[in-house]
Amino acid sequence: PNVLPMTIVVMGKSGVHRGQGQITLTPTTPSGEVMPPLPIQVVFEGDNDRSFTAFGTVGFPVKEAGPYWFEVALDGVVLTYTAIRVVYMRSYLNLNPQQPPA
């Protein structure tokens, strides 16, 4: 598998939730394999309109091209789903470039 460097950003509003919580991002491969979850600790504080932002860089292993879906859950309760699409693009390396005319 290849490892893609990814920056993950999760933002939300506290609503009625207070205190510490755990956001869990659980990826699923295009072929349906559920990958290990990515836990993110967050703190909800203040009024209902207060928000949080959590971010970090991860090495995301990919085995195949296609959409990778992420289940987003808070303390085990699924909130939403989001996806990224991995596209395989073959790159050719020119080992003998021609010099431009002088």
Protein backbone atom coordinates (compact mmCIF):
# COMPACT_ATOMS: atom_id res chain seq x y z
CA PRO A 1 0.00 0.00 0.00
CA ASN A 2 1.00 3.60 -0.58
CA VAL A 3 0.87 6.14 2.23
CA LEU A 4 -0.62 9.52 1.42
CA PRO A 5 0.15 12.45 3.73
CA MET A 6 -3.21 13.97 4.68
CA THR A 7 -4.22 16.88 6.83
CA ILE A 8 -7.48 16.11 8.62
CA VAL A 9 -9.68 18.96 9.86
CA VAL A 10 -12.84 18.40 11.92
CA MET A 11 -14.99 21.36 12.99
CA GLY A 12 -18.22 21.42 14.92
CA LYS A 13 -20.49 23.27 17.32
CA SER A 14 -21.10 22.11 20.86
CA GLY A 15 -24.88 22.40 20.85
CA VAL A 16 -26.08 20.81 24.09
CA HIS A 17 -22.96 18.63 24.47
CA ARG A 18 -20.60 19.69 27.30
CA GLY A 19 -17.26 18.42 28.48
CA GLN A 20 -14.85 16.05 26.81
CA GLY A 21 -15.77 13.91 23.86
CA GLN A 22 -14.16 11.70 21.27
CA ILE A 23 -14.63 12.22 17.56
CA THR A 24 -13.91 9.02 15.65
CA LEU A 25 -13.21 8.93 11.92
CA THR A 26 -13.60 5.39 10.57
CA PRO A 27 -12.50 5.00 6.94
CA THR A 28 -13.87 2.38 4.54
CA THR A 29 -11.99 1.42 1.36
CA PRO A 30 -13.64 1.43 -2.08
CA SER A 31 -13.98 -2.38 -1.83
CA GLY A 32 -15.78 -2.13 1.54
CA GLU A 33 -12.96 -2.97 3.97
CA VAL A 34 -13.35 -1.07 7.26
CA MET A 35 -10.01 0.43 8.31
CA PRO A 36 -8.86 1.20 11.87
CA PRO A 37 -10.56 4.31 13.34
CA LEU A 38 -8.78 7.62 13.89
CA PRO A 39 -9.73 8.96 17.36
CA ILE A 40 -9.65 12.72 18.07
CA GLN A 41 -10.19 14.06 21.60
CA VAL A 42 -12.22 17.30 21.77
CA VAL A 43 -13.61 19.54 24.54
CA PHE A 44 -17.04 21.16 24.34
CA GLU A 45 -17.43 24.19 26.54
CA GLY A 46 -19.45 27.37 26.90
CA ASP A 47 -22.65 28.33 25.16
CA ASN A 48 -24.55 26.32 22.56
CA ASP A 49 -22.93 28.31 19.77
CA ARG A 50 -19.31 27.65 20.79
CA SER A 51 -17.30 25.61 18.33
CA PHE A 52 -14.22 23.42 18.17
CA THR A 53 -11.61 22.76 15.50
CA ALA A 54 -9.36 19.71 15.59
CA PHE A 55 -6.69 19.03 13.00
CA GLY A 56 -3.60 16.95 12.40
CA THR A 57 -1.46 15.32 9.76
CA VAL A 58 -1.61 11.56 9.26
CA GLY A 59 -0.08 9.05 6.88
CA PHE A 60 -3.15 7.49 5.27
CA PRO A 61 -2.54 4.02 3.74
CA VAL A 62 -4.27 3.42 0.40
CA LYS A 63 -4.42 0.09 -1.43
CA GLU A 64 -6.73 0.96 -4.29
CA ALA A 65 -8.16 3.84 -6.27
CA GLY A 66 -11.72 5.03 -5.66
CA PRO A 67 -13.79 6.70 -2.94
CA TYR A 68 -12.74 6.22 0.69
CA TRP A 69 -15.70 6.97 2.95
CA PHE A 70 -15.22 8.27 6.49
CA GLU A 71 -17.84 7.68 9.17
CA VAL A 72 -17.75 10.62 11.61
CA ALA A 73 -18.97 9.75 15.12
CA LEU A 74 -19.06 11.53 18.47
CA ASP A 75 -18.79 9.22 21.47
CA GLY A 76 -19.99 6.30 19.33
CA VAL A 77 -22.98 8.12 17.78
CA VAL A 78 -22.68 8.51 14.00
CA LEU A 79 -23.05 12.15 12.95
CA THR A 80 -22.30 12.09 9.23
CA TYR A 81 -20.21 10.62 6.42
CA THR A 82 -17.70 12.27 4.11
CA ALA A 83 -15.40 10.93 1.38
CA ILE A 84 -12.19 11.48 -0.52
CA ARG A 85 -11.50 10.03 -3.96
CA VAL A 86 -8.09 8.50 -4.58
CA VAL A 87 -7.04 8.59 -8.23
CA TYR A 88 -4.11 6.63 -9.63
CA MET A 89 -2.09 8.60 -12.16
CA ARG A 90 0.94 6.99 -13.79
CA SER A 91 3.90 9.33 -13.98
CA TYR A 92 6.68 8.92 -16.52
CA LEU A 93 10.20 9.98 -15.66
CA ASN A 94 12.24 11.20 -18.62
CA LEU A 95 15.76 9.96 -17.87
CA ASN A 96 17.27 11.39 -21.08
CA PRO A 97 15.85 14.87 -21.62
CA GLN A 98 16.87 16.56 -24.84
CA GLN A 99 18.75 19.79 -24.54
CA PRO A 100 17.14 22.82 -26.18
CA PRO A 101 19.03 24.17 -29.17
CA ALA A 102 21.63 26.82 -28.33
